[in-house]
Amino acid sequence: MRSGAQTLILLAAPLNVLLLQALAEGPKQQAELRRETGLPPQTTLRAQLKRLAELGAIEKHRRNRFPGVLEYELTASGEELLRVVETLEHWLGMSENGPLPLGGSAAKSVVKALAEGWSTTMLRVLAARPLSLTELDRIIGSLSYPSLERRLAALRVAGLIEPHTGDGRGTPYGATKWLRYGVAPLAAATRWERRRSPDITAPVGRLDVEAALLLAVPLLRLPAEFSGACRLGAEIVNGKSRLAGAMVSIRRGEVAGCSTNLQGHPDAWALGSISAWLNALLEHDVDSLELGGDCRFVRTLIERFHKTLFSVPAESR
């Protein structure tokens, strides 16, 4: 799985969210947790508690050091994971077919389709332009044709991609607006993994950065006074430092183009680590980013990223 996907799959399982929410009220014994989460099978409950403990979201200890009385408690990491839950719930509430409650079968299918599309790089490819199944098969060599077909169907049924007009040689599919807003839970899940479970989750790679920007940039709207090009660069460290990102063109406040080719001479630019970019997007904290050129332009662009993905209520989007 690519960065962020493992956490979304974890949260798609209803029992995991119920356990986190129950422990948010305070430490509890396993018997209490089982009652409060709908009496799941003991083996299932133990397996999920073990998984959450491995990820550092919960911890087990003896109550007042009394032998035999074991209880589970939410850690600081678990409290932060609940904020990822809130972001995911918010995004599921934006579904064009009506809000999808986290824990329901429909939400589980949608989150699984999002995570699998992200991990197989299908979303990176479809973020650039609409493509047919045959074209995807030529580009993505790591998946068989039947596997691509199955995942494309899952994305379509989930409402994450939609058909576009083609040349008659297969129906091209492109990202829906709802999928583009899906960058929010992906980014929140990715930051949690990098901060809390970096050793057992996937690092952020070039394709992750490019996919996120290609998906989210078309959602942006700036004041009409802004025009120009801005380079957004993230430092990818995999043995050696590399740069990934996008060159964004704005014309009178509207996005005129977005390319992963970072060459050229932009009017403004922003550069930083993955951690710095995640903090900028989720918290509008740009202090760790290096800004240059027209700083007002790039600051406004980053501010709109944050507000578009994390601050604006779903009903007003």
C-alpha atoms as a PDB file:
ATOM      1  CA  MET A   1       0.000   0.000   0.000  1.00  0.00           C
ATOM      2  CA  ARG A   2       1.103   3.545  -0.669  1.00  0.00           C
ATOM      3  CA  SER A   3       1.345   6.137   2.066  1.00  0.00           C
ATOM      4  CA  GLY A   4      -1.967   6.783   3.834  1.00  0.00           C
ATOM      5  CA  ALA A   5      -3.799   3.807   2.347  1.00  0.00           C
ATOM      6  CA  GLN A   6      -3.129   1.418   5.230  1.00  0.00           C
ATOM      7  CA  THR A   7      -4.696   3.825   7.729  1.00  0.00           C
ATOM      8  CA  LEU A   8      -7.787   4.395   5.592  1.00  0.00           C
ATOM      9  CA  ILE A   9      -8.298   0.632   5.250  1.00  0.00           C
ATOM     10  CA  LEU A  10      -7.916   0.346   9.032  1.00  0.00           C
ATOM     11  CA  LEU A  11     -10.610   2.980   9.595  1.00  0.00           C
ATOM     12  CA  ALA A  12     -12.938   1.443   7.011  1.00  0.00           C
ATOM     13  CA  ALA A  13     -13.431  -1.469   9.437  1.00  0.00           C
ATOM     14  CA  PRO A  14     -16.337  -0.355  11.673  1.00  0.00           C
ATOM     15  CA  LEU A  15     -15.007  -2.095  14.783  1.00  0.00           C
ATOM     16  CA  ASN A  16     -11.757  -0.116  14.773  1.00  0.00           C
ATOM     17  CA  VAL A  17     -13.557   3.219  14.797  1.00  0.00           C
ATOM     18  CA  LEU A  18     -15.958   2.043  17.528  1.00  0.00           C
ATOM     19  CA  LEU A  19     -13.019   0.939  19.669  1.00  0.00           C
ATOM     20  CA  LEU A  20     -11.245   4.262  19.281  1.00  0.00           C
ATOM     21  CA  GLN A  21     -14.420   6.194  20.090  1.00  0.00           C
ATOM     22  CA  ALA A  22     -15.165   4.030  23.126  1.00  0.00           C
ATOM     23  CA  LEU A  23     -11.657   4.505  24.501  1.00  0.00           C
ATOM     24  CA  ALA A  24     -11.885   8.262  23.944  1.00  0.00           C
ATOM     25  CA  GLU A  25     -14.192   8.231  26.984  1.00  0.00           C
ATOM     26  CA  GLY A  26     -11.498   6.645  29.163  1.00  0.00           C
ATOM     27  CA  PRO A  27      -9.708   3.334  29.854  1.00  0.00           C
ATOM     28  CA  LYS A  28     -11.828   0.200  29.534  1.00  0.00           C
ATOM     29  CA  GLN A  29     -11.511  -3.533  30.002  1.00  0.00           C
ATOM     30  CA  GLN A  30     -11.994  -5.909  27.082  1.00  0.00           C
ATOM     31  CA  ALA A  31     -15.414  -7.007  28.340  1.00  0.00           C
ATOM     32  CA  GLU A  32     -16.572  -3.369  28.490  1.00  0.00           C
ATOM     33  CA  LEU A  33     -15.280  -2.727  24.979  1.00  0.00           C
ATOM     34  CA  ARG A  34     -17.072  -5.777  23.649  1.00  0.00           C
ATOM     35  CA  ARG A  35     -20.396  -4.609  25.083  1.00  0.00           C
ATOM     36  CA  GLU A  36     -19.972  -1.060  23.803  1.00  0.00           C
ATOM     37  CA  THR A  37     -19.020  -2.158  20.269  1.00  0.00           C
ATOM     38  CA  GLY A  38     -21.985  -4.443  19.647  1.00  0.00           C
ATOM     39  CA  LEU A  39     -20.671  -7.779  20.998  1.00  0.00           C
ATOM     40  CA  PRO A  40     -18.307  -8.760  18.163  1.00  0.00           C
ATOM     41  CA  PRO A  41     -16.717 -12.246  18.282  1.00  0.00           C
ATOM     42  CA  GLN A  42     -13.958 -12.463  20.868  1.00  0.00           C
ATOM     43  CA  THR A  43     -11.360 -13.490  18.294  1.00  0.00           C
ATOM     44  CA  THR A  44     -12.233 -10.526  16.068  1.00  0.00           C
ATOM     45  CA  LEU A  45     -12.106  -8.119  18.993  1.00  0.00           C
ATOM     46  CA  ARG A  46      -8.717  -9.400  20.156  1.00  0.00           C
ATOM     47  CA  ALA A  47      -7.297  -9.192  16.641  1.00  0.00           C
ATOM     48  CA  GLN A  48      -8.383  -5.578  16.178  1.00  0.00           C
ATOM     49  CA  LEU A  49      -7.149  -4.553  19.635  1.00  0.00           C
ATOM     50  CA  LYS A  50      -3.809  -6.158  18.843  1.00  0.00           C
ATOM     51  CA  ARG A  51      -3.613  -4.311  15.519  1.00  0.00           C
ATOM     52  CA  LEU A  52      -4.389  -0.935  17.092  1.00  0.00           C
ATOM     53  CA  ALA A  53      -1.782  -1.622  19.783  1.00  0.00           C
ATOM     54  CA  GLU A  54       0.841  -2.503  17.175  1.00  0.00           C
ATOM     55  CA  LEU A  55       0.195   0.825  15.487  1.00  0.00           C
ATOM     56  CA  GLY A  56       0.556   2.620  18.822  1.00  0.00           C
ATOM     57  CA  ALA A  57      -3.019   3.933  18.883  1.00  0.00           C
ATOM     58  CA  ILE A  58      -3.885   2.119  22.122  1.00  0.00           C
ATOM     59  CA  GLU A  59      -1.972   0.493  24.951  1.00  0.00           C
ATOM     60  CA  LYS A  60      -2.758  -2.241  27.453  1.00  0.00           C
ATOM     61  CA  HIS A  61      -1.905  -2.068  31.154  1.00  0.00           C
ATOM     62  CA  ARG A  62      -3.053  -3.331  34.540  1.00  0.00           C
ATOM     63  CA  ARG A  63      -5.581  -1.233  36.409  1.00  0.00           C
ATOM     64  CA  ASN A  64      -3.940   0.226  39.523  1.00  0.00           C
ATOM     65  CA  ARG A  65      -1.326  -2.530  39.243  1.00  0.00           C
ATOM     66  CA  PHE A  66      -3.943  -5.048  40.388  1.00  0.00           C
ATOM     67  CA  PRO A  67      -3.113  -8.537  39.041  1.00  0.00           C
ATOM     68  CA  GLY A  68      -5.554  -9.905  36.485  1.00  0.00           C
ATOM     69  CA  VAL A  69      -7.376  -6.644  35.711  1.00  0.00           C
ATOM     70  CA  LEU A  70      -6.241  -5.535  32.252  1.00  0.00           C
ATOM     71  CA  GLU A  71      -7.576  -2.465  30.522  1.00  0.00           C
ATOM     72  CA  TYR A  72      -6.983  -0.610  27.274  1.00  0.00           C
ATOM     73  CA  GLU A  73      -6.314   3.094  26.973  1.00  0.00           C
ATOM     74  CA  LEU A  74      -6.139   5.529  24.077  1.00  0.00           C
ATOM     75  CA  THR A  75      -2.667   6.982  23.488  1.00  0.00           C
ATOM     76  CA  ALA A  76      -1.796  10.425  22.120  1.00  0.00           C
ATOM     77  CA  SER A  77      -1.367   8.669  18.780  1.00  0.00           C
ATOM     78  CA  GLY A  78      -4.886   7.263  19.089  1.00  0.00           C
ATOM     79  CA  GLU A  79      -6.296  10.711  19.836  1.00  0.00           C
ATOM     80  CA  GLU A  80      -4.645  12.000  16.670  1.00  0.00           C
ATOM     81  CA  LEU A  81      -6.030   9.035  14.734  1.00  0.00           C
ATOM     82  CA  LEU A  82      -9.523  10.087  15.807  1.00  0.00           C
ATOM     83  CA  ARG A  83      -8.921  13.394  14.033  1.00  0.00           C
ATOM     84  CA  VAL A  84      -8.207  11.394  10.879  1.00  0.00           C
ATOM     85  CA  VAL A  85     -11.568   9.688  11.497  1.00  0.00           C
ATOM     86  CA  GLU A  86     -13.238  13.112  11.589  1.00  0.00           C
ATOM     87  CA  THR A  87     -11.642  14.109   8.276  1.00  0.00           C
ATOM     88  CA  LEU A  88     -12.720  10.835   6.682  1.00  0.00           C
ATOM     89  CA  GLU A  89     -16.266  11.210   8.016  1.00  0.00           C
ATOM     90  CA  HIS A  90     -16.417  14.750   6.661  1.00  0.00           C
ATOM     91  CA  TRP A  91     -15.361  13.576   3.209  1.00  0.00           C
ATOM     92  CA  LEU A  92     -17.853  10.692   3.233  1.00  0.00           C
ATOM     93  CA  GLY A  93     -20.523  13.235   4.107  1.00  0.00           C
ATOM     94  CA  MET A  94     -19.846  15.000   0.787  1.00  0.00           C
ATOM     95  CA  SER A  95     -20.958  12.068  -1.378  1.00  0.00           C
ATOM     96  CA  GLU A  96     -23.186  13.193  -4.238  1.00  0.00           C
ATOM     97  CA  ASN A  97     -25.581  10.370  -3.365  1.00  0.00           C
ATOM     98  CA  GLY A  98     -25.964  11.598   0.193  1.00  0.00           C
ATOM     99  CA  PRO A  99     -23.806  11.259   3.312  1.00  0.00           C
ATOM    100  CA  LEU A 100     -22.231   7.836   3.842  1.00  0.00           C
ATOM    101  CA  PRO A 101     -21.953   6.914   7.535  1.00  0.00           C
ATOM    102  CA  LEU A 102     -18.505   5.611   8.404  1.00  0.00           C
ATOM    103  CA  GLY A 103     -18.922   1.980   9.356  1.00  0.00           C
ATOM    104  CA  GLY A 104     -21.621   1.256   6.804  1.00  0.00           C
ATOM    105  CA  SER A 105     -21.104  -1.143   3.920  1.00  0.00           C
ATOM    106  CA  ALA A 106     -21.248   1.647   1.309  1.00  0.00           C
ATOM    107  CA  ALA A 107     -18.588   3.709   3.101  1.00  0.00           C
ATOM    108  CA  LYS A 108     -16.397   0.648   3.496  1.00  0.00           C
ATOM    109  CA  SER A 109     -16.547  -0.055  -0.251  1.00  0.00           C
ATOM    110  CA  VAL A 110     -15.789   3.568  -1.121  1.00  0.00           C
ATOM    111  CA  VAL A 111     -12.802   3.799   1.225  1.00  0.00           C
ATOM    112  CA  LYS A 112     -11.454   0.492  -0.069  1.00  0.00           C
ATOM    113  CA  ALA A 113     -11.790   1.695  -3.674  1.00  0.00           C
ATOM    114  CA  LEU A 114     -10.016   4.953  -2.781  1.00  0.00           C
ATOM    115  CA  ALA A 115      -7.159   3.174  -0.984  1.00  0.00           C
ATOM    116  CA  GLU A 116      -6.689   0.566  -3.717  1.00  0.00           C
ATOM    117  CA  GLY A 117      -6.845   3.134  -6.503  1.00  0.00           C
ATOM    118  CA  TRP A 118      -4.250   5.192  -4.638  1.00  0.00           C
ATOM    119  CA  SER A 119      -1.954   2.228  -3.974  1.00  0.00           C
ATOM    120  CA  THR A 120      -2.041   0.872  -7.528  1.00  0.00           C
ATOM    121  CA  THR A 121      -1.180   4.348  -8.953  1.00  0.00           C
ATOM    122  CA  MET A 122      -4.456   4.332 -10.909  1.00  0.00           C
ATOM    123  CA  LEU A 123      -5.422   7.622  -9.296  1.00  0.00           C
ATOM    124  CA  ARG A 124      -2.064   9.174 -10.208  1.00  0.00           C
ATOM    125  CA  VAL A 125      -2.639   8.273 -13.851  1.00  0.00           C
ATOM    126  CA  LEU A 126      -6.315   9.279 -13.931  1.00  0.00           C
ATOM    127  CA  ALA A 127      -5.539  12.550 -12.139  1.00  0.00           C
ATOM    128  CA  ALA A 128      -3.590  13.706 -15.182  1.00  0.00           C
ATOM    129  CA  ARG A 129      -6.342  13.071 -17.750  1.00  0.00           C
ATOM    130  CA  PRO A 130      -9.293  10.776 -18.474  1.00  0.00           C
ATOM    131  CA  LEU A 131      -8.226   7.361 -19.760  1.00  0.00           C
ATOM    132  CA  SER A 132      -9.930   4.226 -21.006  1.00  0.00           C
ATOM    133  CA  LEU A 133      -9.313   0.753 -19.612  1.00  0.00           C
ATOM    134  CA  THR A 134      -7.172  -0.116 -22.635  1.00  0.00           C
ATOM    135  CA  GLU A 135      -5.023   2.992 -22.125  1.00  0.00           C
ATOM    136  CA  LEU A 136      -4.647   2.218 -18.413  1.00  0.00           C
ATOM    137  CA  ASP A 137      -3.514  -1.283 -19.306  1.00  0.00           C
ATOM    138  CA  ARG A 138      -0.758   0.140 -21.511  1.00  0.00           C
ATOM    139  CA  ILE A 139       0.439   2.550 -18.825  1.00  0.00           C
ATOM    140  CA  ILE A 140       0.181   0.418 -15.665  1.00  0.00           C
ATOM    141  CA  GLY A 141       2.157  -2.731 -16.285  1.00  0.00           C
ATOM    142  CA  SER A 142       2.094  -3.966 -12.687  1.00  0.00           C
ATOM    143  CA  LEU A 143      -1.573  -5.047 -12.852  1.00  0.00           C
ATOM    144  CA  SER A 144      -3.276  -7.552 -15.113  1.00  0.00           C
ATOM    145  CA  TYR A 145      -6.089  -6.439 -17.394  1.00  0.00           C
ATOM    146  CA  PRO A 146      -8.788  -8.203 -15.280  1.00  0.00           C
ATOM    147  CA  SER A 147      -7.400  -6.618 -12.119  1.00  0.00           C
ATOM    148  CA  LEU A 148      -7.459  -3.156 -13.694  1.00  0.00           C
ATOM    149  CA  GLU A 149     -10.978  -3.766 -14.952  1.00  0.00           C
ATOM    150  CA  ARG A 150     -12.161  -4.798 -11.497  1.00  0.00           C
ATOM    151  CA  ARG A 151     -10.597  -1.788  -9.774  1.00  0.00           C
ATOM    152  CA  LEU A 152     -11.855   0.626 -12.420  1.00  0.00           C
ATOM    153  CA  ALA A 153     -15.370  -0.729 -11.891  1.00  0.00           C
ATOM    154  CA  ALA A 154     -15.001  -0.287  -8.114  1.00  0.00           C
ATOM    155  CA  LEU A 155     -13.941   3.343  -8.570  1.00  0.00           C
ATOM    156  CA  ARG A 156     -16.867   3.963 -10.923  1.00  0.00           C
ATOM    157  CA  VAL A 157     -19.469   2.355  -8.628  1.00  0.00           C
ATOM    158  CA  ALA A 158     -18.038   4.309  -5.689  1.00  0.00           C
ATOM    159  CA  GLY A 159     -18.556   7.592  -7.558  1.00  0.00           C
ATOM    160  CA  LEU A 160     -14.843   8.421  -7.617  1.00  0.00           C
ATOM    161  CA  ILE A 161     -14.515   8.456 -11.408  1.00  0.00           C
ATOM    162  CA  GLU A 162     -16.955   9.320 -14.189  1.00  0.00           C
ATOM    163  CA  PRO A 163     -17.148   8.708 -17.954  1.00  0.00           C
ATOM    164  CA  HIS A 164     -15.983  11.344 -20.430  1.00  0.00           C
ATOM    165  CA  THR A 165     -16.542  11.741 -24.140  1.00  0.00           C
ATOM    166  CA  GLY A 166     -14.016   9.667 -26.072  1.00  0.00           C
ATOM    167  CA  ASP A 167     -13.040   8.874 -29.657  1.00  0.00           C
ATOM    168  CA  GLY A 168     -15.083   5.696 -29.783  1.00  0.00           C
ATOM    169  CA  ARG A 169     -12.222   3.344 -28.851  1.00  0.00           C
ATOM    170  CA  GLY A 170     -13.261   2.752 -25.270  1.00  0.00           C
ATOM    171  CA  THR A 171     -14.831   4.996 -22.658  1.00  0.00           C
ATOM    172  CA  PRO A 172     -12.324   7.270 -20.896  1.00  0.00           C
ATOM    173  CA  TYR A 173     -12.833   7.856 -17.180  1.00  0.00           C
ATOM    174  CA  GLY A 174     -11.669  10.852 -15.159  1.00  0.00           C
ATOM    175  CA  ALA A 175     -11.692  11.973 -11.535  1.00  0.00           C
ATOM    176  CA  THR A 176     -14.932  13.283 -10.047  1.00  0.00           C
ATOM    177  CA  LYS A 177     -14.978  16.399  -7.908  1.00  0.00           C
ATOM    178  CA  TRP A 178     -15.624  14.218  -4.864  1.00  0.00           C
ATOM    179  CA  LEU A 179     -12.494  12.171  -5.560  1.00  0.00           C
ATOM    180  CA  ARG A 180     -10.462  15.387  -5.737  1.00  0.00           C
ATOM    181  CA  TYR A 181     -11.674  16.294  -2.235  1.00  0.00           C
ATOM    182  CA  GLY A 182     -10.526  12.806  -1.206  1.00  0.00           C
ATOM    183  CA  VAL A 183      -7.007  14.239  -1.004  1.00  0.00           C
ATOM    184  CA  ALA A 184      -8.054  15.514   2.447  1.00  0.00           C
ATOM    185  CA  PRO A 185      -8.461  12.113   4.187  1.00  0.00           C
ATOM    186  CA  LEU A 186      -5.456  10.766   2.268  1.00  0.00           C
ATOM    187  CA  ALA A 187      -3.293  13.657   3.502  1.00  0.00           C
ATOM    188  CA  ALA A 188      -4.587  13.336   7.071  1.00  0.00           C
ATOM    189  CA  ALA A 189      -3.923   9.587   7.085  1.00  0.00           C
ATOM    190  CA  THR A 190      -0.479  10.094   5.583  1.00  0.00           C
ATOM    191  CA  ARG A 191       0.539  12.632   8.220  1.00  0.00           C
ATOM    192  CA  TRP A 192      -0.615  10.299  10.986  1.00  0.00           C
ATOM    193  CA  GLU A 193       1.472   7.468   9.523  1.00  0.00           C
ATOM    194  CA  ARG A 194       4.570   9.645   9.161  1.00  0.00           C
ATOM    195  CA  ARG A 195       4.285  11.010  12.689  1.00  0.00           C
ATOM    196  CA  ARG A 196       3.116   7.945  14.558  1.00  0.00           C
ATOM    197  CA  SER A 197       3.971   4.749  12.648  1.00  0.00           C
ATOM    198  CA  PRO A 198       6.770   5.555  10.203  1.00  0.00           C
ATOM    199  CA  ASP A 199       8.520   2.201  10.578  1.00  0.00           C
ATOM    200  CA  ILE A 200       5.537   0.021   9.620  1.00  0.00           C
ATOM    201  CA  THR A 201       3.837   2.174   6.991  1.00  0.00           C
ATOM    202  CA  ALA A 202       4.878   3.241   3.501  1.00  0.00           C
ATOM    203  CA  PRO A 203       6.959   6.416   3.027  1.00  0.00           C
ATOM    204  CA  VAL A 204       5.696   9.197   0.792  1.00  0.00           C
ATOM    205  CA  GLY A 205       6.974   8.905  -2.765  1.00  0.00           C
ATOM    206  CA  ARG A 206       7.065  11.031  -5.876  1.00  0.00           C
ATOM    207  CA  LEU A 207       3.852   9.520  -7.282  1.00  0.00           C
ATOM    208  CA  ASP A 208       1.978  10.314  -4.049  1.00  0.00           C
ATOM    209  CA  VAL A 209       2.949  13.989  -4.215  1.00  0.00           C
ATOM    210  CA  GLU A 210       2.113  14.285  -7.905  1.00  0.00           C
ATOM    211  CA  ALA A 211      -1.227  12.503  -7.549  1.00  0.00           C
ATOM    212  CA  ALA A 212      -2.306  14.687  -4.622  1.00  0.00           C
ATOM    213  CA  LEU A 213      -1.466  17.919  -6.454  1.00  0.00           C
ATOM    214  CA  LEU A 214      -2.961  16.875  -9.799  1.00  0.00           C
ATOM    215  CA  LEU A 215      -6.180  15.927  -8.023  1.00  0.00           C
ATOM    216  CA  ALA A 216      -6.503  18.903  -5.685  1.00  0.00           C
ATOM    217  CA  VAL A 217      -5.190  21.844  -7.733  1.00  0.00           C
ATOM    218  CA  PRO A 218      -8.243  22.060 -10.069  1.00  0.00           C
ATOM    219  CA  LEU A 219     -10.418  22.713  -6.996  1.00  0.00           C
ATOM    220  CA  LEU A 220      -8.595  25.954  -6.149  1.00  0.00           C
ATOM    221  CA  ARG A 221     -10.028  29.429  -6.664  1.00  0.00           C
ATOM    222  CA  LEU A 222      -7.946  32.528  -5.965  1.00  0.00           C
ATOM    223  CA  PRO A 223      -8.883  36.215  -6.030  1.00  0.00           C
ATOM    224  CA  ALA A 224      -9.094  37.509  -9.605  1.00  0.00           C
ATOM    225  CA  GLU A 225      -6.071  39.759  -9.036  1.00  0.00           C
ATOM    226  CA  PHE A 226      -3.721  36.762  -9.075  1.00  0.00           C
ATOM    227  CA  SER A 227      -2.100  35.513 -12.275  1.00  0.00           C
ATOM    228  CA  GLY A 228       1.198  33.729 -12.848  1.00  0.00           C
ATOM    229  CA  ALA A 229       3.049  30.477 -12.317  1.00  0.00           C
ATOM    230  CA  CYS A 230       3.948  28.913  -8.983  1.00  0.00           C
ATOM    231  CA  ARG A 231       6.215  25.916  -8.377  1.00  0.00           C
ATOM    232  CA  LEU A 232       5.270  23.661  -5.457  1.00  0.00           C
ATOM    233  CA  GLY A 233       8.142  21.330  -4.591  1.00  0.00           C
ATOM    234  CA  ALA A 234       8.434  18.607  -1.973  1.00  0.00           C
ATOM    235  CA  GLU A 235      11.703  16.984  -1.018  1.00  0.00           C
ATOM    236  CA  ILE A 236      11.542  13.199  -1.371  1.00  0.00           C
ATOM    237  CA  VAL A 237      14.278  11.374   0.526  1.00  0.00           C
ATOM    238  CA  ASN A 238      14.768   7.755  -0.566  1.00  0.00           C
ATOM    239  CA  GLY A 239      18.496   7.220  -0.209  1.00  0.00           C
ATOM    240  CA  LYS A 240      19.076  10.586  -1.861  1.00  0.00           C
ATOM    241  CA  SER A 241      17.128  13.826  -1.941  1.00  0.00           C
ATOM    242  CA  ARG A 242      14.769  14.316  -4.875  1.00  0.00           C
ATOM    243  CA  LEU A 243      12.176  16.895  -5.754  1.00  0.00           C
ATOM    244  CA  ALA A 244       8.550  16.149  -6.652  1.00  0.00           C
ATOM    245  CA  GLY A 245       5.612  18.457  -7.112  1.00  0.00           C
ATOM    246  CA  ALA A 246       3.810  20.561  -9.665  1.00  0.00           C
ATOM    247  CA  MET A 247       3.975  23.796 -11.585  1.00  0.00           C
ATOM    248  CA  VAL A 248       0.640  25.564 -11.183  1.00  0.00           C
ATOM    249  CA  SER A 249      -0.517  28.263 -13.615  1.00  0.00           C
ATOM    250  CA  ILE A 250      -3.131  30.771 -12.461  1.00  0.00           C
ATOM    251  CA  ARG A 251      -4.939  33.197 -14.736  1.00  0.00           C
ATOM    252  CA  ARG A 252      -7.190  35.800 -13.114  1.00  0.00           C
ATOM    253  CA  GLY A 253      -7.717  33.594 -10.078  1.00  0.00           C
ATOM    254  CA  GLU A 254      -8.581  30.464 -12.050  1.00  0.00           C
ATOM    255  CA  VAL A 255      -6.361  27.416 -12.489  1.00  0.00           C
ATOM    256  CA  ALA A 256      -5.107  27.466 -16.080  1.00  0.00           C
ATOM    257  CA  GLY A 257      -2.793  24.469 -15.847  1.00  0.00           C
ATOM    258  CA  CYS A 258      -1.010  22.015 -13.591  1.00  0.00           C
ATOM    259  CA  SER A 259       2.058  20.063 -14.680  1.00  0.00           C
ATOM    260  CA  THR A 260       4.498  17.788 -12.855  1.00  0.00           C
ATOM    261  CA  ASN A 261       7.312  19.246 -14.965  1.00  0.00           C
ATOM    262  CA  LEU A 262       9.063  21.546 -12.509  1.00  0.00           C
ATOM    263  CA  GLN A 263      11.367  23.188 -15.055  1.00  0.00           C
ATOM    264  CA  GLY A 264      10.982  26.861 -15.842  1.00  0.00           C
ATOM    265  CA  HIS A 265      11.043  30.243 -14.156  1.00  0.00           C
ATOM    266  CA  PRO A 266       7.904  30.680 -12.010  1.00  0.00           C
ATOM    267  CA  ASP A 267       6.737  33.906 -10.449  1.00  0.00           C
ATOM    268  CA  ALA A 268       6.642  32.242  -7.027  1.00  0.00           C
ATOM    269  CA  TRP A 269       7.675  28.995  -5.419  1.00  0.00           C
ATOM    270  CA  ALA A 270       7.460  26.971  -2.225  1.00  0.00           C
ATOM    271  CA  LEU A 271       9.818  24.200  -1.151  1.00  0.00           C
ATOM    272  CA  GLY A 272       9.808  21.941   1.871  1.00  0.00           C
ATOM    273  CA  SER A 273       9.875  18.475   3.360  1.00  0.00           C
ATOM    274  CA  ILE A 274       6.892  16.133   3.257  1.00  0.00           C
ATOM    275  CA  SER A 275       6.245  16.915   6.918  1.00  0.00           C
ATOM    276  CA  ALA A 276       6.296  20.664   6.235  1.00  0.00           C
ATOM    277  CA  TRP A 277       3.846  20.307   3.353  1.00  0.00           C
ATOM    278  CA  LEU A 278       1.442  18.146   5.349  1.00  0.00           C
ATOM    279  CA  ASN A 279       1.443  20.705   8.159  1.00  0.00           C
ATOM    280  CA  ALA A 280       0.837  23.486   5.631  1.00  0.00           C
ATOM    281  CA  LEU A 281      -2.124  21.688   4.084  1.00  0.00           C
ATOM    282  CA  LEU A 282      -3.740  20.453   7.294  1.00  0.00           C
ATOM    283  CA  GLU A 283      -2.949  23.330   9.666  1.00  0.00           C
ATOM    284  CA  HIS A 284      -2.041  26.213   7.324  1.00  0.00           C
ATOM    285  CA  ASP A 285       1.366  26.248   9.024  1.00  0.00           C
ATOM    286  CA  VAL A 286       3.798  27.548   6.400  1.00  0.00           C
ATOM    287  CA  ASP A 287       6.648  28.401   8.771  1.00  0.00           C
ATOM    288  CA  SER A 288       8.663  25.322   7.766  1.00  0.00           C
ATOM    289  CA  LEU A 289       8.301  25.952   4.027  1.00  0.00           C
ATOM    290  CA  GLU A 290      10.850  27.952   2.070  1.00  0.00           C
ATOM    291  CA  LEU A 291       9.019  30.584   0.003  1.00  0.00           C
ATOM    292  CA  GLY A 292      10.386  32.683  -2.832  1.00  0.00           C
ATOM    293  CA  GLY A 293       9.412  35.124  -5.549  1.00  0.00           C
ATOM    294  CA  ASP A 294       5.974  36.666  -5.112  1.00  0.00           C
ATOM    295  CA  CYS A 295       5.437  35.464  -1.544  1.00  0.00           C
ATOM    296  CA  ARG A 296       1.940  36.924  -1.327  1.00  0.00           C
ATOM    297  CA  PHE A 297       0.969  34.848  -4.357  1.00  0.00           C
ATOM    298  CA  VAL A 298       2.333  31.564  -2.995  1.00  0.00           C
ATOM    299  CA  ARG A 299       0.985  32.185   0.516  1.00  0.00           C
ATOM    300  CA  THR A 300      -2.487  32.792  -0.904  1.00  0.00           C
ATOM    301  CA  LEU A 301      -2.232  29.630  -2.999  1.00  0.00           C
ATOM    302  CA  ILE A 302      -1.308  27.504   0.029  1.00  0.00           C
ATOM    303  CA  GLU A 303      -4.021  29.162   2.114  1.00  0.00           C
ATOM    304  CA  ARG A 304      -6.605  28.216  -0.526  1.00  0.00           C
ATOM    305  CA  PHE A 305      -5.319  24.631  -0.488  1.00  0.00           C
ATOM    306  CA  HIS A 306      -5.946  24.461   3.246  1.00  0.00           C
ATOM    307  CA  LYS A 307      -9.348  26.133   3.160  1.00  0.00           C
ATOM    308  CA  THR A 308     -10.571  24.142   0.175  1.00  0.00           C
ATOM    309  CA  LEU A 309      -9.661  20.752   1.607  1.00  0.00           C
ATOM    310  CA  PHE A 310     -10.038  21.213   5.358  1.00  0.00           C
ATOM    311  CA  SER A 311     -11.872  24.382   6.368  1.00  0.00           C
ATOM    312  CA  VAL A 312     -14.941  24.832   4.186  1.00  0.00           C
ATOM    313  CA  PRO A 313     -18.111  22.996   5.322  1.00  0.00           C
ATOM    314  CA  ALA A 314     -19.212  20.298   2.879  1.00  0.00           C
ATOM    315  CA  GLU A 315     -22.622  21.869   2.275  1.00  0.00           C
ATOM    316  CA  SER A 316     -21.061  25.096   0.953  1.00  0.00           C
ATOM    317  CA  ARG A 317     -18.610  23.475  -1.474  1.00  0.00           C
END
